[in-house]
């Protein structure tokens, strides 16, 4: 398996573990609609949370969360809309980012940004 795919899978497992430790029910993992994908969908109380997981082994080009660009945010919103239609969702939503940095020979650094963005904020 390619190194970047291993990195991504490892990061997604760390994020899944974090969400479960928070006690949030995980409703979907790697949910797809056409070319759109949601890494994790969970519930925080009455709030449906769409979680984007970004994992990097280097921060030379920026921290993991900086890769959730306005373009990526729009795609996440489109995926969230499709998810809500498919599941007849009628309650509050939120977009979170779990950013994971994997420095060589050190423990992973995990940051959870709740309510990290709302599509259209950064435009």
PDB file of N, CA and C in Angstrom:
ATOM      1  N   UNK A   1       0.848  -1.185   0.000  1.00  0.00           N
ATOM      2  CA  UNK A   1       0.000   0.000   0.000  1.00  0.00           C
ATOM      3  C   UNK A   1       0.890   1.243   0.000  1.00  0.00           C
ATOM      4  N   UNK A   2       0.493   2.258  -0.723  1.00  0.00           N
ATOM      5  CA  UNK A   2       1.261   3.502  -0.801  1.00  0.00           C
ATOM      6  C   UNK A   2       1.332   4.168   0.571  1.00  0.00           C
ATOM      7  N   UNK A   3       2.463   4.810   0.844  1.00  0.00           N
ATOM      8  CA  UNK A   3       2.703   5.440   2.151  1.00  0.00           C
ATOM      9  C   UNK A   3       1.620   6.457   2.496  1.00  0.00           C
ATOM     10  N   UNK A   4       1.189   7.284   1.525  1.00  0.00           N
ATOM     11  CA  UNK A   4       0.183   8.301   1.825  1.00  0.00           C
ATOM     12  C   UNK A   4      -1.158   7.662   2.184  1.00  0.00           C
ATOM     13  N   UNK A   5      -1.463   6.495   1.604  1.00  0.00           N
ATOM     14  CA  UNK A   5      -2.708   5.807   1.955  1.00  0.00           C
ATOM     15  C   UNK A   5      -2.625   5.223   3.357  1.00  0.00           C
ATOM     16  N   UNK A   6      -1.455   4.670   3.711  1.00  0.00           N
ATOM     17  CA  UNK A   6      -1.252   4.167   5.072  1.00  0.00           C
ATOM     18  C   UNK A   6      -1.380   5.303   6.080  1.00  0.00           C
ATOM     19  N   UNK A   7      -0.804   6.448   5.758  1.00  0.00           N
ATOM     20  CA  UNK A   7      -0.890   7.614   6.638  1.00  0.00           C
ATOM     21  C   UNK A   7      -2.342   8.013   6.838  1.00  0.00           C
ATOM     22  N   UNK A   8      -3.086   8.091   5.754  1.00  0.00           N
ATOM     23  CA  UNK A   8      -4.490   8.479   5.838  1.00  0.00           C
ATOM     24  C   UNK A   8      -5.318   7.504   6.653  1.00  0.00           C
ATOM     25  N   UNK A   9      -5.114   6.201   6.429  1.00  0.00           N
ATOM     26  CA  UNK A   9      -5.869   5.197   7.178  1.00  0.00           C
ATOM     27  C   UNK A   9      -5.528   5.244   8.662  1.00  0.00           C
ATOM     28  N   UNK A  10      -4.248   5.421   8.987  1.00  0.00           N
ATOM     29  CA  UNK A  10      -3.834   5.518  10.384  1.00  0.00           C
ATOM     30  C   UNK A  10      -4.476   6.736  11.040  1.00  0.00           C
ATOM     31  N   UNK A  11      -4.454   7.863  10.345  1.00  0.00           N
ATOM     32  CA  UNK A  11      -5.072   9.078  10.871  1.00  0.00           C
ATOM     33  C   UNK A  11      -6.566   8.919  11.074  1.00  0.00           C
ATOM     34  N   UNK A  12      -7.241   8.283  10.127  1.00  0.00           N
ATOM     35  CA  UNK A  12      -8.686   8.080  10.268  1.00  0.00           C
ATOM     36  C   UNK A  12      -9.003   7.181  11.455  1.00  0.00           C
ATOM     37  N   UNK A  13      -8.142   6.197  11.730  1.00  0.00           N
ATOM     38  CA  UNK A  13      -8.368   5.345  12.903  1.00  0.00           C
ATOM     39  C   UNK A  13      -8.174   6.141  14.191  1.00  0.00           C
ATOM     40  N   UNK A  14      -7.150   7.000  14.241  1.00  0.00           N
ATOM     41  CA  UNK A  14      -6.950   7.861  15.415  1.00  0.00           C
ATOM     42  C   UNK A  14      -8.157   8.769  15.627  1.00  0.00           C
ATOM     43  N   UNK A  15      -8.670   9.337  14.544  1.00  0.00           N
ATOM     44  CA  UNK A  15      -9.837  10.217  14.639  1.00  0.00           C
ATOM     45  C   UNK A  15     -11.061   9.443  15.125  1.00  0.00           C
ATOM     46  N   UNK A  16     -11.257   8.252  14.596  1.00  0.00           N
ATOM     47  CA  UNK A  16     -12.380   7.418  15.015  1.00  0.00           C
ATOM     48  C   UNK A  16     -12.281   7.101  16.504  1.00  0.00           C
ATOM     49  N   UNK A  17     -11.084   6.764  16.969  1.00  0.00           N
ATOM     50  CA  UNK A  17     -10.874   6.494  18.395  1.00  0.00           C
ATOM     51  C   UNK A  17     -11.216   7.718  19.240  1.00  0.00           C
ATOM     52  N   UNK A  18     -10.807   8.907  18.785  1.00  0.00           N
ATOM     53  CA  UNK A  18     -11.097  10.140  19.512  1.00  0.00           C
ATOM     54  C   UNK A  18     -12.600  10.373  19.613  1.00  0.00           C
ATOM     55  N   UNK A  19     -13.298  10.236  18.510  1.00  0.00           N
ATOM     56  CA  UNK A  19     -14.747  10.462  18.492  1.00  0.00           C
ATOM     57  C   UNK A  19     -15.446   9.481  19.432  1.00  0.00           C
ATOM     58  N   UNK A  20     -15.014   8.245  19.414  1.00  0.00           N
ATOM     59  CA  UNK A  20     -15.610   7.246  20.318  1.00  0.00           C
ATOM     60  C   UNK A  20     -15.313   7.567  21.777  1.00  0.00           C
ATOM     61  N   UNK A  21     -14.095   8.055  22.074  1.00  0.00           N
ATOM     62  CA  UNK A  21     -13.764   8.456  23.451  1.00  0.00           C
ATOM     63  C   UNK A  21     -14.649   9.602  23.922  1.00  0.00           C
ATOM     64  N   UNK A  22     -15.052  10.462  22.994  1.00  0.00           N
ATOM     65  CA  UNK A  22     -15.964  11.555  23.331  1.00  0.00           C
ATOM     66  C   UNK A  22     -17.376  11.045  23.610  1.00  0.00           C
ATOM     67  N   UNK A  23     -17.616   9.791  23.273  1.00  0.00           N
ATOM     68  CA  UNK A  23     -18.927   9.204  23.493  1.00  0.00           C
ATOM     69  C   UNK A  23     -19.933   9.505  22.401  1.00  0.00           C
ATOM     70  N   UNK A  24     -19.442   9.984  21.270  1.00  0.00           N
ATOM     71  CA  UNK A  24     -20.341  10.310  20.162  1.00  0.00           C
ATOM     72  C   UNK A  24     -20.623   9.048  19.352  1.00  0.00           C
ATOM     73  N   UNK A  25     -21.882   8.754  19.085  1.00  0.00           N
ATOM     74  CA  UNK A  25     -22.182   7.644  18.184  1.00  0.00           C
ATOM     75  C   UNK A  25     -21.682   7.967  16.770  1.00  0.00           C
ATOM     76  N   UNK A  26     -20.970   7.026  16.174  1.00  0.00           N
ATOM     77  CA  UNK A  26     -20.493   7.186  14.798  1.00  0.00           C
ATOM     78  C   UNK A  26     -21.551   6.585  13.878  1.00  0.00           C
ATOM     79  N   UNK A  27     -22.116   7.420  13.017  1.00  0.00           N
ATOM     80  CA  UNK A  27     -23.193   6.994  12.127  1.00  0.00           C
ATOM     81  C   UNK A  27     -22.675   6.472  10.796  1.00  0.00           C
ATOM     82  N   UNK A  28     -21.579   7.048  10.315  1.00  0.00           N
ATOM     83  CA  UNK A  28     -21.008   6.628   9.029  1.00  0.00           C
ATOM     84  C   UNK A  28     -19.511   6.884   9.025  1.00  0.00           C
ATOM     85  N   UNK A  29     -18.811   6.031   8.291  1.00  0.00           N
ATOM     86  CA  UNK A  29     -17.368   6.189   8.095  1.00  0.00           C
ATOM     87  C   UNK A  29     -17.105   6.053   6.602  1.00  0.00           C
ATOM     88  N   UNK A  30     -16.395   7.026   6.040  1.00  0.00           N
ATOM     89  CA  UNK A  30     -16.081   7.040   4.600  1.00  0.00           C
ATOM     90  C   UNK A  30     -17.349   6.915   3.751  1.00  0.00           C
ATOM     91  N   UNK A  31     -18.353   7.697   4.100  1.00  0.00           N
ATOM     92  CA  UNK A  31     -19.622   7.696   3.370  1.00  0.00           C
ATOM     93  C   UNK A  31     -19.413   8.371   2.018  1.00  0.00           C
ATOM     94  N   UNK A  32     -19.919   7.750   0.966  1.00  0.00           N
ATOM     95  CA  UNK A  32     -19.720   8.264  -0.393  1.00  0.00           C
ATOM     96  C   UNK A  32     -21.044   8.532  -1.089  1.00  0.00           C
ATOM     97  N   UNK A  33     -20.983   9.574  -1.915  1.00  0.00           N
ATOM     98  CA  UNK A  33     -22.090   9.910  -2.810  1.00  0.00           C
ATOM     99  C   UNK A  33     -21.442  10.378  -4.108  1.00  0.00           C
ATOM    100  N   UNK A  34     -21.403   9.490  -5.095  1.00  0.00           N
ATOM    101  CA  UNK A  34     -20.684   9.822  -6.327  1.00  0.00           C
ATOM    102  C   UNK A  34     -19.213  10.042  -6.017  1.00  0.00           C
ATOM    103  N   UNK A  35     -18.692  11.202  -6.405  1.00  0.00           N
ATOM    104  CA  UNK A  35     -17.281  11.520  -6.164  1.00  0.00           C
ATOM    105  C   UNK A  35     -17.063  12.213  -4.815  1.00  0.00           C
ATOM    106  N   UNK A  36     -18.131  12.447  -4.069  1.00  0.00           N
ATOM    107  CA  UNK A  36     -18.043  13.133  -2.779  1.00  0.00           C
ATOM    108  C   UNK A  36     -17.871  12.124  -1.649  1.00  0.00           C
ATOM    109  N   UNK A  37     -17.147  12.539  -0.593  1.00  0.00           N
ATOM    110  CA  UNK A  37     -16.939  11.644   0.545  1.00  0.00           C
ATOM    111  C   UNK A  37     -16.952  12.426   1.847  1.00  0.00           C
ATOM    112  N   UNK A  38     -17.512  11.802   2.870  1.00  0.00           N
ATOM    113  CA  UNK A  38     -17.450  12.300   4.241  1.00  0.00           C
ATOM    114  C   UNK A  38     -16.624  11.297   5.039  1.00  0.00           C
ATOM    115  N   UNK A  39     -15.555  11.778   5.696  1.00  0.00           N
ATOM    116  CA  UNK A  39     -14.694  10.860   6.449  1.00  0.00           C
ATOM    117  C   UNK A  39     -15.458  10.210   7.597  1.00  0.00           C
ATOM    118  N   UNK A  40     -16.058  11.051   8.445  1.00  0.00           N
ATOM    119  CA  UNK A  40     -16.839  10.550   9.577  1.00  0.00           C
ATOM    120  C   UNK A  40     -18.107  11.372   9.723  1.00  0.00           C
ATOM    121  N   UNK A  41     -19.175  10.703  10.100  1.00  0.00           N
ATOM    122  CA  UNK A  41     -20.414  11.375  10.475  1.00  0.00           C
ATOM    123  C   UNK A  41     -20.762  10.837  11.852  1.00  0.00           C
ATOM    124  N   UNK A  42     -20.941  11.745  12.802  1.00  0.00           N
ATOM    125  CA  UNK A  42     -21.227  11.348  14.180  1.00  0.00           C
ATOM    126  C   UNK A  42     -22.327  12.244  14.733  1.00  0.00           C
ATOM    127  N   UNK A  43     -22.748  11.911  15.940  1.00  0.00           N
ATOM    128  CA  UNK A  43     -23.760  12.732  16.589  1.00  0.00           C
ATOM    129  C   UNK A  43     -23.228  13.190  17.939  1.00  0.00           C
ATOM    130  N   UNK A  44     -23.266  14.499  18.156  1.00  0.00           N
ATOM    131  CA  UNK A  44     -22.896  15.117  19.427  1.00  0.00           C
ATOM    132  C   UNK A  44     -24.191  15.637  20.034  1.00  0.00           C
ATOM    133  N   UNK A  45     -24.824  14.824  20.872  1.00  0.00           N
ATOM    134  CA  UNK A  45     -26.145  15.188  21.380  1.00  0.00           C
ATOM    135  C   UNK A  45     -27.128  15.201  20.230  1.00  0.00           C
ATOM    136  N   UNK A  46     -27.786  16.351  20.040  1.00  0.00           N
ATOM    137  CA  UNK A  46     -28.758  16.490  18.950  1.00  0.00           C
ATOM    138  C   UNK A  46     -28.135  17.037  17.669  1.00  0.00           C
ATOM    139  N   UNK A  47     -26.824  17.232  17.668  1.00  0.00           N
ATOM    140  CA  UNK A  47     -26.140  17.832  16.519  1.00  0.00           C
ATOM    141  C   UNK A  47     -25.512  16.741  15.654  1.00  0.00           C
ATOM    142  N   UNK A  48     -25.799  16.799  14.361  1.00  0.00           N
ATOM    143  CA  UNK A  48     -25.155  15.908  13.397  1.00  0.00           C
ATOM    144  C   UNK A  48     -23.819  16.550  13.020  1.00  0.00           C
ATOM    145  N   UNK A  49     -22.726  15.813  13.206  1.00  0.00           N
ATOM    146  CA  UNK A  49     -21.387  16.368  13.000  1.00  0.00           C
ATOM    147  C   UNK A  49     -20.714  15.675  11.816  1.00  0.00           C
ATOM    148  N   UNK A  50     -20.326  16.487  10.828  1.00  0.00           N
ATOM    149  CA  UNK A  50     -19.564  16.009   9.680  1.00  0.00           C
ATOM    150  C   UNK A  50     -18.100  16.310   9.976  1.00  0.00           C
ATOM    151  N   UNK A  51     -17.275  15.265  10.008  1.00  0.00           N
ATOM    152  CA  UNK A  51     -15.885  15.412  10.446  1.00  0.00           C
ATOM    153  C   UNK A  51     -14.940  15.113   9.290  1.00  0.00           C
ATOM    154  N   UNK A  52     -14.117  16.100   8.969  1.00  0.00           N
ATOM    155  CA  UNK A  52     -13.065  15.930   7.966  1.00  0.00           C
ATOM    156  C   UNK A  52     -11.773  15.611   8.711  1.00  0.00           C
ATOM    157  N   UNK A  53     -11.111  14.536   8.315  1.00  0.00           N
ATOM    158  CA  UNK A  53      -9.862  14.112   8.943  1.00  0.00           C
ATOM    159  C   UNK A  53      -8.721  14.420   7.980  1.00  0.00           C
ATOM    160  N   UNK A  54      -7.729  15.151   8.471  1.00  0.00           N
ATOM    161  CA  UNK A  54      -6.544  15.457   7.663  1.00  0.00           C
ATOM    162  C   UNK A  54      -5.312  15.000   8.435  1.00  0.00           C
ATOM    163  N   UNK A  55      -4.483  14.203   7.785  1.00  0.00           N
ATOM    164  CA  UNK A  55      -3.289  13.648   8.414  1.00  0.00           C
ATOM    165  C   UNK A  55      -2.076  13.986   7.561  1.00  0.00           C
ATOM    166  N   UNK A  56      -1.017  14.420   8.221  1.00  0.00           N
ATOM    167  CA  UNK A  56       0.226  14.753   7.517  1.00  0.00           C
ATOM    168  C   UNK A  56       1.424  14.243   8.313  1.00  0.00           C
ATOM    169  N   UNK A  57       2.445  13.818   7.590  1.00  0.00           N
ATOM    170  CA  UNK A  57       3.712  13.417   8.214  1.00  0.00           C
ATOM    171  C   UNK A  57       4.691  14.590   8.275  1.00  0.00           C
ATOM    172  N   UNK A  58       4.407  15.640   7.529  1.00  0.00           N
ATOM    173  CA  UNK A  58       5.260  16.826   7.510  1.00  0.00           C
ATOM    174  C   UNK A  58       4.371  18.065   7.548  1.00  0.00           C
ATOM    175  N   UNK A  59       4.858  19.098   8.203  1.00  0.00           N
ATOM    176  CA  UNK A  59       4.122  20.370   8.186  1.00  0.00           C
ATOM    177  C   UNK A  59       4.901  21.422   7.389  1.00  0.00           C
ATOM    178  N   UNK A  60       5.812  20.954   6.555  1.00  0.00           N
ATOM    179  CA  UNK A  60       6.602  21.859   5.731  1.00  0.00           C
ATOM    180  C   UNK A  60       5.707  22.760   4.878  1.00  0.00           C
ATOM    181  N   UNK A  61       4.646  22.202   4.317  1.00  0.00           N
ATOM    182  CA  UNK A  61       3.738  22.973   3.455  1.00  0.00           C
ATOM    183  C   UNK A  61       2.505  23.478   4.195  1.00  0.00           C
ATOM    184  N   UNK A  62       2.444  23.248   5.485  1.00  0.00           N
ATOM    185  CA  UNK A  62       1.309  23.712   6.278  1.00  0.00           C
ATOM    186  C   UNK A  62       0.778  22.617   7.184  1.00  0.00           C
ATOM    187  N   UNK A  63       0.076  23.036   8.208  1.00  0.00           N
ATOM    188  CA  UNK A  63      -0.517  22.090   9.143  1.00  0.00           C
ATOM    189  C   UNK A  63      -1.680  21.363   8.470  1.00  0.00           C
ATOM    190  N   UNK A  64      -2.048  20.204   8.986  1.00  0.00           N
ATOM    191  CA  UNK A  64      -3.102  19.423   8.309  1.00  0.00           C
ATOM    192  C   UNK A  64      -4.391  20.204   8.059  1.00  0.00           C
ATOM    193  N   UNK A  65      -4.820  20.987   9.027  1.00  0.00           N
ATOM    194  CA  UNK A  65      -6.096  21.703   8.881  1.00  0.00           C
ATOM    195  C   UNK A  65      -6.075  22.745   7.765  1.00  0.00           C
ATOM    196  N   UNK A  66      -4.892  23.242   7.398  1.00  0.00           N
ATOM    197  CA  UNK A  66      -4.827  24.239   6.325  1.00  0.00           C
ATOM    198  C   UNK A  66      -5.179  23.639   4.964  1.00  0.00           C
ATOM    199  N   UNK A  67      -5.213  22.312   4.885  1.00  0.00           N
ATOM    200  CA  UNK A  67      -5.563  21.651   3.629  1.00  0.00           C
ATOM    201  C   UNK A  67      -7.074  21.509   3.440  1.00  0.00           C
ATOM    202  N   UNK A  68      -7.849  21.982   4.418  1.00  0.00           N
ATOM    203  CA  UNK A  68      -9.310  22.023   4.251  1.00  0.00           C
ATOM    204  C   UNK A  68      -9.617  23.402   3.666  1.00  0.00           C
ATOM    205  N   UNK A  69      -9.370  23.534   2.398  1.00  0.00           N
ATOM    206  CA  UNK A  69      -9.485  24.795   1.663  1.00  0.00           C
ATOM    207  C   UNK A  69     -10.952  25.160   1.429  1.00  0.00           C
ATOM    208  N   UNK A  70     -11.226  26.390   1.012  1.00  0.00           N
ATOM    209  CA  UNK A  70     -12.613  26.745   0.666  1.00  0.00           C
ATOM    210  C   UNK A  70     -13.222  25.804  -0.370  1.00  0.00           C
ATOM    211  N   UNK A  71     -12.429  25.358  -1.334  1.00  0.00           N
ATOM    212  CA  UNK A  71     -12.922  24.410  -2.331  1.00  0.00           C
ATOM    213  C   UNK A  71     -13.308  23.086  -1.673  1.00  0.00           C
ATOM    214  N   UNK A  72     -12.464  22.600  -0.773  1.00  0.00           N
ATOM    215  CA  UNK A  72     -12.758  21.358  -0.052  1.00  0.00           C
ATOM    216  C   UNK A  72     -13.999  21.536   0.822  1.00  0.00           C
ATOM    217  N   UNK A  73     -14.130  22.699   1.442  1.00  0.00           N
ATOM    218  CA  UNK A  73     -15.302  22.969   2.277  1.00  0.00           C
ATOM    219  C   UNK A  73     -16.585  22.901   1.452  1.00  0.00           C
ATOM    220  N   UNK A  74     -16.556  23.438   0.242  1.00  0.00           N
ATOM    221  CA  UNK A  74     -17.741  23.371  -0.629  1.00  0.00           C
ATOM    222  C   UNK A  74     -18.096  21.922  -0.957  1.00  0.00           C
ATOM    223  N   UNK A  75     -17.089  21.105  -1.225  1.00  0.00           N
ATOM    224  CA  UNK A  75     -17.337  19.691  -1.515  1.00  0.00           C
ATOM    225  C   UNK A  75     -17.911  18.977  -0.293  1.00  0.00           C
ATOM    226  N   UNK A  76     -17.406  19.327   0.880  1.00  0.00           N
ATOM    227  CA  UNK A  76     -17.939  18.723   2.103  1.00  0.00           C
ATOM    228  C   UNK A  76     -19.390  19.134   2.317  1.00  0.00           C
ATOM    229  N   UNK A  77     -19.705  20.393   2.016  1.00  0.00           N
ATOM    230  CA  UNK A  77     -21.090  20.850   2.138  1.00  0.00           C
ATOM    231  C   UNK A  77     -21.992  20.079   1.169  1.00  0.00           C
ATOM    232  N   UNK A  78     -21.529  19.892  -0.059  1.00  0.00           N
ATOM    233  CA  UNK A  78     -22.319  19.134  -1.037  1.00  0.00           C
ATOM    234  C   UNK A  78     -22.546  17.699  -0.553  1.00  0.00           C
ATOM    235  N   UNK A  79     -21.501  17.092  -0.015  1.00  0.00           N
ATOM    236  CA  UNK A  79     -21.632  15.733   0.511  1.00  0.00           C
ATOM    237  C   UNK A  79     -22.585  15.705   1.702  1.00  0.00           C
ATOM    238  N   UNK A  80     -22.483  16.711   2.569  1.00  0.00           N
ATOM    239  CA  UNK A  80     -23.371  16.785   3.736  1.00  0.00           C
ATOM    240  C   UNK A  80     -24.824  16.935   3.301  1.00  0.00           C
ATOM    241  N   UNK A  81     -25.055  17.768   2.296  1.00  0.00           N
ATOM    242  CA  UNK A  81     -26.424  17.925   1.777  1.00  0.00           C
ATOM    243  C   UNK A  81     -26.969  16.590   1.270  1.00  0.00           C
ATOM    244  N   UNK A  82     -26.150  15.861   0.524  1.00  0.00           N
ATOM    245  CA  UNK A  82     -26.582  14.561  -0.001  1.00  0.00           C
ATOM    246  C   UNK A  82     -26.859  13.584   1.144  1.00  0.00           C
ATOM    247  N   UNK A  83     -26.018  13.616   2.161  1.00  0.00           N
ATOM    248  CA  UNK A  83     -26.213  12.740   3.324  1.00  0.00           C
ATOM    249  C   UNK A  83     -27.531  13.069   4.018  1.00  0.00           C
ATOM    250  N   UNK A  84     -27.789  14.364   4.203  1.00  0.00           N
ATOM    251  CA  UNK A  84     -29.016  14.777   4.895  1.00  0.00           C
ATOM    252  C   UNK A  84     -30.258  14.393   4.098  1.00  0.00           C
ATOM    253  N   UNK A  85     -30.200  14.503   2.793  1.00  0.00           N
ATOM    254  CA  UNK A  85     -31.338  14.100   1.957  1.00  0.00           C
ATOM    255  C   UNK A  85     -31.552  12.592   2.064  1.00  0.00           C
ATOM    256  N   UNK A  86     -30.466  11.843   1.942  1.00  0.00           N
ATOM    257  CA  UNK A  86     -30.572  10.380   1.992  1.00  0.00           C
ATOM    258  C   UNK A  86     -31.111   9.881   3.330  1.00  0.00           C
ATOM    259  N   UNK A  87     -30.764  10.584   4.413  1.00  0.00           N
ATOM    260  CA  UNK A  87     -31.155  10.149   5.757  1.00  0.00           C
ATOM    261  C   UNK A  87     -32.307  10.966   6.335  1.00  0.00           C
ATOM    262  N   UNK A  88     -32.951  11.786   5.497  1.00  0.00           N
ATOM    263  CA  UNK A  88     -34.082  12.609   5.933  1.00  0.00           C
ATOM    264  C   UNK A  88     -33.752  13.353   7.232  1.00  0.00           C
ATOM    265  N   UNK A  89     -32.621  14.043   7.210  1.00  0.00           N
ATOM    266  CA  UNK A  89     -32.113  14.742   8.393  1.00  0.00           C
ATOM    267  C   UNK A  89     -32.882  16.031   8.644  1.00  0.00           C
ATOM    268  N   UNK A  90     -33.270  16.250   9.889  1.00  0.00           N
ATOM    269  CA  UNK A  90     -34.077  17.422  10.237  1.00  0.00           C
ATOM    270  C   UNK A  90     -33.523  18.178  11.447  1.00  0.00           C
ATOM    271  N   UNK A  91     -32.268  18.014  11.792  1.00  0.00           N
ATOM    272  CA  UNK A  91     -31.759  18.691  12.977  1.00  0.00           C
ATOM    273  C   UNK A  91     -30.478  19.460  12.680  1.00  0.00           C
ATOM    274  N   UNK A  92     -29.928  20.054  13.708  1.00  0.00           N
ATOM    275  CA  UNK A  92     -28.762  20.933  13.580  1.00  0.00           C
ATOM    276  C   UNK A  92     -27.534  20.161  13.091  1.00  0.00           C
ATOM    277  N   UNK A  93     -26.657  20.878  12.360  1.00  0.00           N
ATOM    278  CA  UNK A  93     -25.425  20.259  11.869  1.00  0.00           C
ATOM    279  C   UNK A  93     -24.215  21.114  12.251  1.00  0.00           C
ATOM    280  N   UNK A  94     -23.041  20.470  12.135  1.00  0.00           N
ATOM    281  CA  UNK A  94     -21.787  21.161  12.419  1.00  0.00           C
ATOM    282  C   UNK A  94     -20.686  20.496  11.596  1.00  0.00           C
ATOM    283  N   UNK A  95     -19.681  21.285  11.231  1.00  0.00           N
ATOM    284  CA  UNK A  95     -18.514  20.766  10.518  1.00  0.00           C
ATOM    285  C   UNK A  95     -17.292  20.867  11.429  1.00  0.00           C
ATOM    286  N   UNK A  96     -16.664  19.742  11.711  1.00  0.00           N
ATOM    287  CA  UNK A  96     -15.454  19.683  12.526  1.00  0.00           C
ATOM    288  C   UNK A  96     -14.288  19.230  11.656  1.00  0.00           C
ATOM    289  N   UNK A  97     -13.085  19.546  12.122  1.00  0.00           N
ATOM    290  CA  UNK A  97     -11.860  19.027  11.510  1.00  0.00           C
ATOM    291  C   UNK A  97     -11.066  18.340  12.607  1.00  0.00           C
ATOM    292  N   UNK A  98     -10.587  17.149  12.316  1.00  0.00           N
ATOM    293  CA  UNK A  98      -9.604  16.506  13.185  1.00  0.00           C
ATOM    294  C   UNK A  98      -8.306  16.480  12.393  1.00  0.00           C
ATOM    295  N   UNK A  99      -7.324  17.246  12.885  1.00  0.00           N
ATOM    296  CA  UNK A  99      -6.033  17.406  12.214  1.00  0.00           C
ATOM    297  C   UNK A  99      -4.989  16.581  12.962  1.00  0.00           C
ATOM    298  N   UNK A 100      -4.278  15.755  12.227  1.00  0.00           N
ATOM    299  CA  UNK A 100      -3.315  14.843  12.836  1.00  0.00           C
ATOM    300  C   UNK A 100      -1.957  15.031  12.168  1.00  0.00           C
ATOM    301  N   UNK A 101      -0.957  15.293  13.001  1.00  0.00           N
ATOM    302  CA  UNK A 101       0.417  15.423  12.529  1.00  0.00           C
ATOM    303  C   UNK A 101       1.199  14.249  13.098  1.00  0.00           C
ATOM    304  N   UNK A 102       1.900  13.539  12.231  1.00  0.00           N
ATOM    305  CA  UNK A 102       2.660  12.354  12.621  1.00  0.00           C
ATOM    306  C   UNK A 102       4.155  12.618  12.458  1.00  0.00           C
ATOM    307  N   UNK A 103       4.771  13.304  13.438  1.00  0.00           N
ATOM    308  CA  UNK A 103       6.212  13.548  13.323  1.00  0.00           C
ATOM    309  C   UNK A 103       6.984  12.236  13.464  1.00  0.00           C
ATOM    310  N   UNK A 104       8.126  12.146  12.812  1.00  0.00           N
ATOM    311  CA  UNK A 104       8.947  10.932  12.868  1.00  0.00           C
ATOM    312  C   UNK A 104       9.317  10.579  14.296  1.00  0.00           C
ATOM    313  N   UNK A 105       9.125   9.314  14.649  1.00  0.00           N
ATOM    314  CA  UNK A 105       9.537   8.762  15.945  1.00  0.00           C
ATOM    315  C   UNK A 105       8.981   9.515  17.145  1.00  0.00           C
ATOM    316  N   UNK A 106       7.826  10.131  16.994  1.00  0.00           N
ATOM    317  CA  UNK A 106       7.187  10.838  18.105  1.00  0.00           C
ATOM    318  C   UNK A 106       5.711  10.482  18.125  1.00  0.00           C
ATOM    319  N   UNK A 107       5.094  10.770  19.248  1.00  0.00           N
ATOM    320  CA  UNK A 107       3.662  10.508  19.378  1.00  0.00           C
ATOM    321  C   UNK A 107       2.879  11.412  18.427  1.00  0.00           C
ATOM    322  N   UNK A 108       1.770  10.916  17.893  1.00  0.00           N
ATOM    323  CA  UNK A 108       0.930  11.747  17.019  1.00  0.00           C
ATOM    324  C   UNK A 108       0.405  12.972  17.759  1.00  0.00           C
ATOM    325  N   UNK A 109       0.277  14.064  17.040  1.00  0.00           N
ATOM    326  CA  UNK A 109      -0.323  15.286  17.581  1.00  0.00           C
ATOM    327  C   UNK A 109      -1.706  15.410  16.946  1.00  0.00           C
ATOM    328  N   UNK A 110      -2.742  15.370  17.786  1.00  0.00           N
ATOM    329  CA  UNK A 110      -4.121  15.371  17.303  1.00  0.00           C
ATOM    330  C   UNK A 110      -4.823  16.627  17.801  1.00  0.00           C
ATOM    331  N   UNK A 111      -5.379  17.401  16.884  1.00  0.00           N
ATOM    332  CA  UNK A 111      -6.160  18.594  17.232  1.00  0.00           C
ATOM    333  C   UNK A 111      -7.564  18.443  16.670  1.00  0.00           C
ATOM    334  N   UNK A 112      -8.549  18.686  17.535  1.00  0.00           N
ATOM    335  CA  UNK A 112      -9.950  18.596  17.124  1.00  0.00           C
ATOM    336  C   UNK A 112     -10.519  20.007  17.128  1.00  0.00           C
ATOM    337  N   UNK A 113     -10.930  20.474  15.963  1.00  0.00           N
ATOM    338  CA  UNK A 113     -11.517  21.805  15.813  1.00  0.00           C
ATOM    339  C   UNK A 113     -13.022  21.646  15.626  1.00  0.00           C
ATOM    340  N   UNK A 114     -13.766  21.924  16.696  1.00  0.00           N
ATOM    341  CA  UNK A 114     -15.217  21.849  16.602  1.00  0.00           C
ATOM    342  C   UNK A 114     -15.742  23.117  15.948  1.00  0.00           C
ATOM    343  N   UNK A 115     -16.780  22.954  15.144  1.00  0.00           N
ATOM    344  CA  UNK A 115     -17.377  24.086  14.432  1.00  0.00           C
ATOM    345  C   UNK A 115     -16.292  24.834  13.661  1.00  0.00           C
ATOM    346  N   UNK A 116     -15.453  24.076  12.962  1.00  0.00           N
ATOM    347  CA  UNK A 116     -14.252  24.600  12.311  1.00  0.00           C
ATOM    348  C   UNK A 116     -14.549  25.538  11.154  1.00  0.00           C
ATOM    349  N   UNK A 117     -15.644  25.298  10.465  1.00  0.00           N
ATOM    350  CA  UNK A 117     -15.985  26.148   9.322  1.00  0.00           C
ATOM    351  C   UNK A 117     -17.456  25.994   9.027  1.00  0.00           C
ATOM    352  N   UNK A 118     -17.927  26.944   8.272  1.00  0.00           N
ATOM    353  CA  UNK A 118     -19.261  26.852   7.686  1.00  0.00           C
ATOM    354  C   UNK A 118     -19.093  27.253   6.234  1.00  0.00           C
ATOM    355  N   UNK A 119     -19.564  26.462   5.303  1.00  0.00           N
ATOM    356  CA  UNK A 119     -19.354  26.803   3.896  1.00  0.00           C
ATOM    357  C   UNK A 119     -19.756  28.244   3.591  1.00  0.00           C
ATOM    358  N   UNK A 120     -18.828  28.957   2.948  1.00  0.00           N
ATOM    359  CA  UNK A 120     -19.070  30.351   2.602  1.00  0.00           C
ATOM    360  C   UNK A 120     -18.398  31.333   3.543  1.00  0.00           C
ATOM    361  N   UNK A 121     -17.981  30.885   4.742  1.00  0.00           N
ATOM    362  CA  UNK A 121     -17.340  31.799   5.691  1.00  0.00           C
ATOM    363  C   UNK A 121     -16.063  32.403   5.142  1.00  0.00           C
ATOM    364  N   UNK A 122     -15.239  31.578   4.486  1.00  0.00           N
ATOM    365  CA  UNK A 122     -13.904  32.035   4.099  1.00  0.00           C
ATOM    366  C   UNK A 122     -13.865  32.636   2.703  1.00  0.00           C
ATOM    367  N   UNK A 123     -15.018  32.822   2.080  1.00  0.00           N
ATOM    368  CA  UNK A 123     -15.005  33.356   0.714  1.00  0.00           C
ATOM    369  C   UNK A 123     -15.210  34.853   0.730  1.00  0.00           C
TER     370      UNK A 123
END
